[in-house]
């Protein structure tokens, strides 16, 4: 499965401590990827297109 990265090493911006395991697990499962500038932006609301992409990635991950 390759190497497992941790969220602090993945994204430039700090992630909330309480969400660290979930963010790392979602990234490693291919469900989230962050923004092109290397940030995760945990404190801003998702847009509709972002939510759809996450749902699509979840479905694709589940069907594997």
C-alpha atoms as a PDB file:
ATOM      1  CA  UNK A   1       0.000   0.000   0.000  1.00  0.00           C
ATOM      2  CA  UNK A   2       2.979   2.353   0.075  1.00  0.00           C
ATOM      3  CA  UNK A   3       3.914   4.693   2.859  1.00  0.00           C
ATOM      4  CA  UNK A   4       1.387   6.205   5.201  1.00  0.00           C
ATOM      5  CA  UNK A   5       1.819   9.940   5.625  1.00  0.00           C
ATOM      6  CA  UNK A   6       0.624  11.984   8.547  1.00  0.00           C
ATOM      7  CA  UNK A   7      -1.486  15.091   8.047  1.00  0.00           C
ATOM      8  CA  UNK A   8       1.011  17.584   9.554  1.00  0.00           C
ATOM      9  CA  UNK A   9       3.571  16.549   6.945  1.00  0.00           C
ATOM     10  CA  UNK A  10       0.960  16.694   4.179  1.00  0.00           C
ATOM     11  CA  UNK A  11      -0.499  20.178   4.492  1.00  0.00           C
ATOM     12  CA  UNK A  12       1.107  23.575   5.139  1.00  0.00           C
ATOM     13  CA  UNK A  13      -1.652  24.864   7.407  1.00  0.00           C
ATOM     14  CA  UNK A  14      -2.243  23.440  10.889  1.00  0.00           C
ATOM     15  CA  UNK A  15      -5.092  20.989  11.277  1.00  0.00           C
ATOM     16  CA  UNK A  16      -7.232  20.811  14.416  1.00  0.00           C
ATOM     17  CA  UNK A  17      -5.774  18.242  16.811  1.00  0.00           C
ATOM     18  CA  UNK A  18      -9.141  16.530  17.283  1.00  0.00           C
ATOM     19  CA  UNK A  19      -9.412  15.918  13.512  1.00  0.00           C
ATOM     20  CA  UNK A  20      -5.842  14.759  12.911  1.00  0.00           C
ATOM     21  CA  UNK A  21      -6.582  11.013  12.686  1.00  0.00           C
ATOM     22  CA  UNK A  22      -9.588  11.547  10.425  1.00  0.00           C
ATOM     23  CA  UNK A  23      -7.738  13.887   8.078  1.00  0.00           C
ATOM     24  CA  UNK A  24      -4.819  11.476   7.802  1.00  0.00           C
ATOM     25  CA  UNK A  25      -7.100   8.477   7.232  1.00  0.00           C
ATOM     26  CA  UNK A  26      -9.147  10.301   4.577  1.00  0.00           C
ATOM     27  CA  UNK A  27      -5.985  11.432   2.780  1.00  0.00           C
ATOM     28  CA  UNK A  28      -4.447   7.958   2.862  1.00  0.00           C
ATOM     29  CA  UNK A  29      -7.710   6.479   1.529  1.00  0.00           C
ATOM     30  CA  UNK A  30      -7.647   8.928  -1.388  1.00  0.00           C
ATOM     31  CA  UNK A  31     -10.834  10.698  -0.291  1.00  0.00           C
ATOM     32  CA  UNK A  32      -9.313  14.142   0.253  1.00  0.00           C
ATOM     33  CA  UNK A  33      -6.328  15.748  -1.436  1.00  0.00           C
ATOM     34  CA  UNK A  34      -6.184  19.309  -0.160  1.00  0.00           C
ATOM     35  CA  UNK A  35      -5.752  22.399  -2.307  1.00  0.00           C
ATOM     36  CA  UNK A  36      -3.153  22.887  -5.070  1.00  0.00           C
ATOM     37  CA  UNK A  37      -1.170  25.316  -2.878  1.00  0.00           C
ATOM     38  CA  UNK A  38      -0.516  22.541  -0.336  1.00  0.00           C
ATOM     39  CA  UNK A  39      -3.095  23.638   2.236  1.00  0.00           C
ATOM     40  CA  UNK A  40      -6.073  21.802   3.712  1.00  0.00           C
ATOM     41  CA  UNK A  41      -8.035  24.824   5.016  1.00  0.00           C
ATOM     42  CA  UNK A  42      -9.908  23.023   7.801  1.00  0.00           C
ATOM     43  CA  UNK A  43     -11.710  26.132   9.025  1.00  0.00           C
ATOM     44  CA  UNK A  44     -13.547  27.156   5.849  1.00  0.00           C
ATOM     45  CA  UNK A  45     -16.864  25.715   4.625  1.00  0.00           C
ATOM     46  CA  UNK A  46     -16.861  23.307   1.691  1.00  0.00           C
ATOM     47  CA  UNK A  47     -18.285  24.437  -1.607  1.00  0.00           C
ATOM     48  CA  UNK A  48     -20.858  22.232  -3.323  1.00  0.00           C
ATOM     49  CA  UNK A  49     -18.360  21.039  -5.955  1.00  0.00           C
ATOM     50  CA  UNK A  50     -15.852  20.134  -3.217  1.00  0.00           C
ATOM     51  CA  UNK A  51     -18.508  18.152  -1.367  1.00  0.00           C
ATOM     52  CA  UNK A  52     -19.430  16.271  -4.553  1.00  0.00           C
ATOM     53  CA  UNK A  53     -15.780  15.408  -5.218  1.00  0.00           C
ATOM     54  CA  UNK A  54     -15.389  14.055  -1.673  1.00  0.00           C
ATOM     55  CA  UNK A  55     -18.566  11.974  -2.026  1.00  0.00           C
ATOM     56  CA  UNK A  56     -17.402  10.649  -5.387  1.00  0.00           C
ATOM     57  CA  UNK A  57     -13.994   9.751  -3.921  1.00  0.00           C
ATOM     58  CA  UNK A  58     -15.742   7.949  -1.033  1.00  0.00           C
ATOM     59  CA  UNK A  59     -17.849   5.911  -3.433  1.00  0.00           C
ATOM     60  CA  UNK A  60     -14.852   5.048  -5.585  1.00  0.00           C
ATOM     61  CA  UNK A  61     -12.837   4.088  -2.504  1.00  0.00           C
ATOM     62  CA  UNK A  62     -15.694   1.922  -1.224  1.00  0.00           C
ATOM     63  CA  UNK A  63     -16.129   0.099  -4.531  1.00  0.00           C
ATOM     64  CA  UNK A  64     -12.471  -1.011  -4.708  1.00  0.00           C
END
